Every structure is written in structure tokens, then in C-alpha cells.
Amino acid sequence: MDINKSWMSIRNRLSTQFRSGAKALAERSKAFINDQVTAESEDEGDEIHDLMADIARVSGP
């Protein structure tokens, strides 16, 4: 998805177009960060699950 950067060259920072562009950038950035955090959390969960499985195998019944 391409990002419309035309709002960045607007000098009037109070204009509706500038504020809409800045808001869209902030929302896209927030979504990206949330996706990264979620992916990292899922990876860590898998590692913990694997570690617990290894401990269970070594400990035995």
C-alpha cells in the first residue's frame, strides 16, 4: 500500500489536509508497531512452550 505524502509539503499545519495526513501516518505507525509487538509475543510464547516441553521430557513421569 502506497502512502500519500503530499500532505508533508503543506505549510499550513492547521489545514484539514495536513492534519488528516498526519493522523493517517500516526494510525499506520501504530498498527505497524502493534503488529510487531504481537509477532514478538507469539514467538516468545512458542519458545516458552518448547522449553516447558523439554523440561517435561527430561523430568519424566
C-alpha atoms as a PDB file:
ATOM      1  CA  MET A   1       0.000   0.000   0.000  1.00  0.00           C
ATOM      2  CA  ASP A   2       1.455   3.333  -1.043  1.00  0.00           C
ATOM      3  CA  ILE A   3       1.447   6.237   1.348  1.00  0.00           C
ATOM      4  CA  ASN A   4       0.237   9.645   0.179  1.00  0.00           C
ATOM      5  CA  LYS A   5       2.972  12.041   1.299  1.00  0.00           C
ATOM      6  CA  SER A   6       1.600  15.176  -0.357  1.00  0.00           C
ATOM      7  CA  TRP A   7       0.390  16.490   2.991  1.00  0.00           C
ATOM      8  CA  MET A   8       4.009  16.784   4.197  1.00  0.00           C
ATOM      9  CA  SER A   9       4.709  19.744   1.924  1.00  0.00           C
ATOM     10  CA  ILE A  10       1.751  21.795   3.203  1.00  0.00           C
ATOM     11  CA  ARG A  11       2.994  24.764   5.200  1.00  0.00           C
ATOM     12  CA  ASN A  12      -0.307  25.389   6.971  1.00  0.00           C
ATOM     13  CA  ARG A  13      -0.108  22.792   9.728  1.00  0.00           C
ATOM     14  CA  LEU A  14      -3.650  23.648  10.788  1.00  0.00           C
ATOM     15  CA  SER A  15      -5.181  22.721   7.423  1.00  0.00           C
ATOM     16  CA  THR A  16      -7.566  19.794   7.258  1.00  0.00           C
ATOM     17  CA  GLN A  17      -5.437  18.068   4.616  1.00  0.00           C
ATOM     18  CA  PHE A  18      -2.264  18.296   6.730  1.00  0.00           C
ATOM     19  CA  ARG A  19      -4.000  17.072   9.876  1.00  0.00           C
ATOM     20  CA  SER A  20      -5.642  14.196   8.000  1.00  0.00           C
ATOM     21  CA  GLY A  21      -2.304  13.121   6.545  1.00  0.00           C
ATOM     22  CA  ALA A  22      -0.558  13.314   9.910  1.00  0.00           C
ATOM     23  CA  LYS A  23      -3.354  11.332  11.540  1.00  0.00           C
ATOM     24  CA  ALA A  24      -3.186   8.654   8.820  1.00  0.00           C
ATOM     25  CA  LEU A  25       0.587   8.362   9.335  1.00  0.00           C
ATOM     26  CA  ALA A  26       0.138   8.037  13.102  1.00  0.00           C
ATOM     27  CA  GLU A  27      -2.538   5.354  12.691  1.00  0.00           C
ATOM     28  CA  ARG A  28      -0.429   3.390  10.205  1.00  0.00           C
ATOM     29  CA  SER A  29       2.595   3.635  12.518  1.00  0.00           C
ATOM     30  CA  LYS A  30       0.541   2.468  15.478  1.00  0.00           C
ATOM     31  CA  ALA A  31      -0.782  -0.523  13.519  1.00  0.00           C
ATOM     32  CA  PHE A  32       2.759  -1.439  12.432  1.00  0.00           C
ATOM     33  CA  ILE A  33       4.074  -1.291  15.996  1.00  0.00           C
ATOM     34  CA  ASN A  34       1.136  -3.344  17.295  1.00  0.00           C
ATOM     35  CA  ASP A  35       1.791  -5.977  14.618  1.00  0.00           C
ATOM     36  CA  GLN A  36       5.471  -6.136  15.603  1.00  0.00           C
ATOM     37  CA  VAL A  37       4.678  -6.487  19.310  1.00  0.00           C
ATOM     38  CA  THR A  38       2.090  -9.189  18.604  1.00  0.00           C
ATOM     39  CA  ALA A  39       4.529 -11.144  16.429  1.00  0.00           C
ATOM     40  CA  GLU A  40       7.235 -10.933  19.100  1.00  0.00           C
ATOM     41  CA  SER A  41       4.792 -12.046  21.802  1.00  0.00           C
ATOM     42  CA  GLU A  42       3.749 -15.058  19.736  1.00  0.00           C
ATOM     43  CA  ASP A  43       7.391 -16.003  19.146  1.00  0.00           C
ATOM     44  CA  GLU A  44       8.158 -15.775  22.866  1.00  0.00           C
ATOM     45  CA  GLY A  45       5.118 -17.910  23.648  1.00  0.00           C
ATOM     46  CA  ASP A  46       6.374 -20.624  21.310  1.00  0.00           C
ATOM     47  CA  GLU A  47       9.806 -20.554  22.948  1.00  0.00           C
ATOM     48  CA  ILE A  48       8.304 -20.900  26.419  1.00  0.00           C
ATOM     49  CA  HIS A  49       6.080 -23.763  25.241  1.00  0.00           C
ATOM     50  CA  ASP A  50       9.100 -25.556  23.749  1.00  0.00           C
ATOM     51  CA  LEU A  51      11.108 -25.037  26.934  1.00  0.00           C
ATOM     52  CA  MET A  52       8.305 -26.436  29.091  1.00  0.00           C
ATOM     53  CA  ALA A  53       8.001 -29.461  26.779  1.00  0.00           C
ATOM     54  CA  ASP A  54      11.756 -30.074  27.068  1.00  0.00           C
ATOM     55  CA  ILE A  55      11.588 -29.854  30.865  1.00  0.00           C
ATOM     56  CA  ALA A  56       8.684 -32.309  30.929  1.00  0.00           C
ATOM     57  CA  ARG A  57      10.626 -34.800  28.775  1.00  0.00           C
ATOM     58  CA  VAL A  58      13.737 -34.583  30.965  1.00  0.00           C
ATOM     59  CA  SER A  59      11.799 -34.801  34.226  1.00  0.00           C
ATOM     60  CA  GLY A  60       9.743 -37.746  33.077  1.00  0.00           C
ATOM     61  CA  PRO A  61       6.696 -39.104  34.886  1.00  0.00           C
END
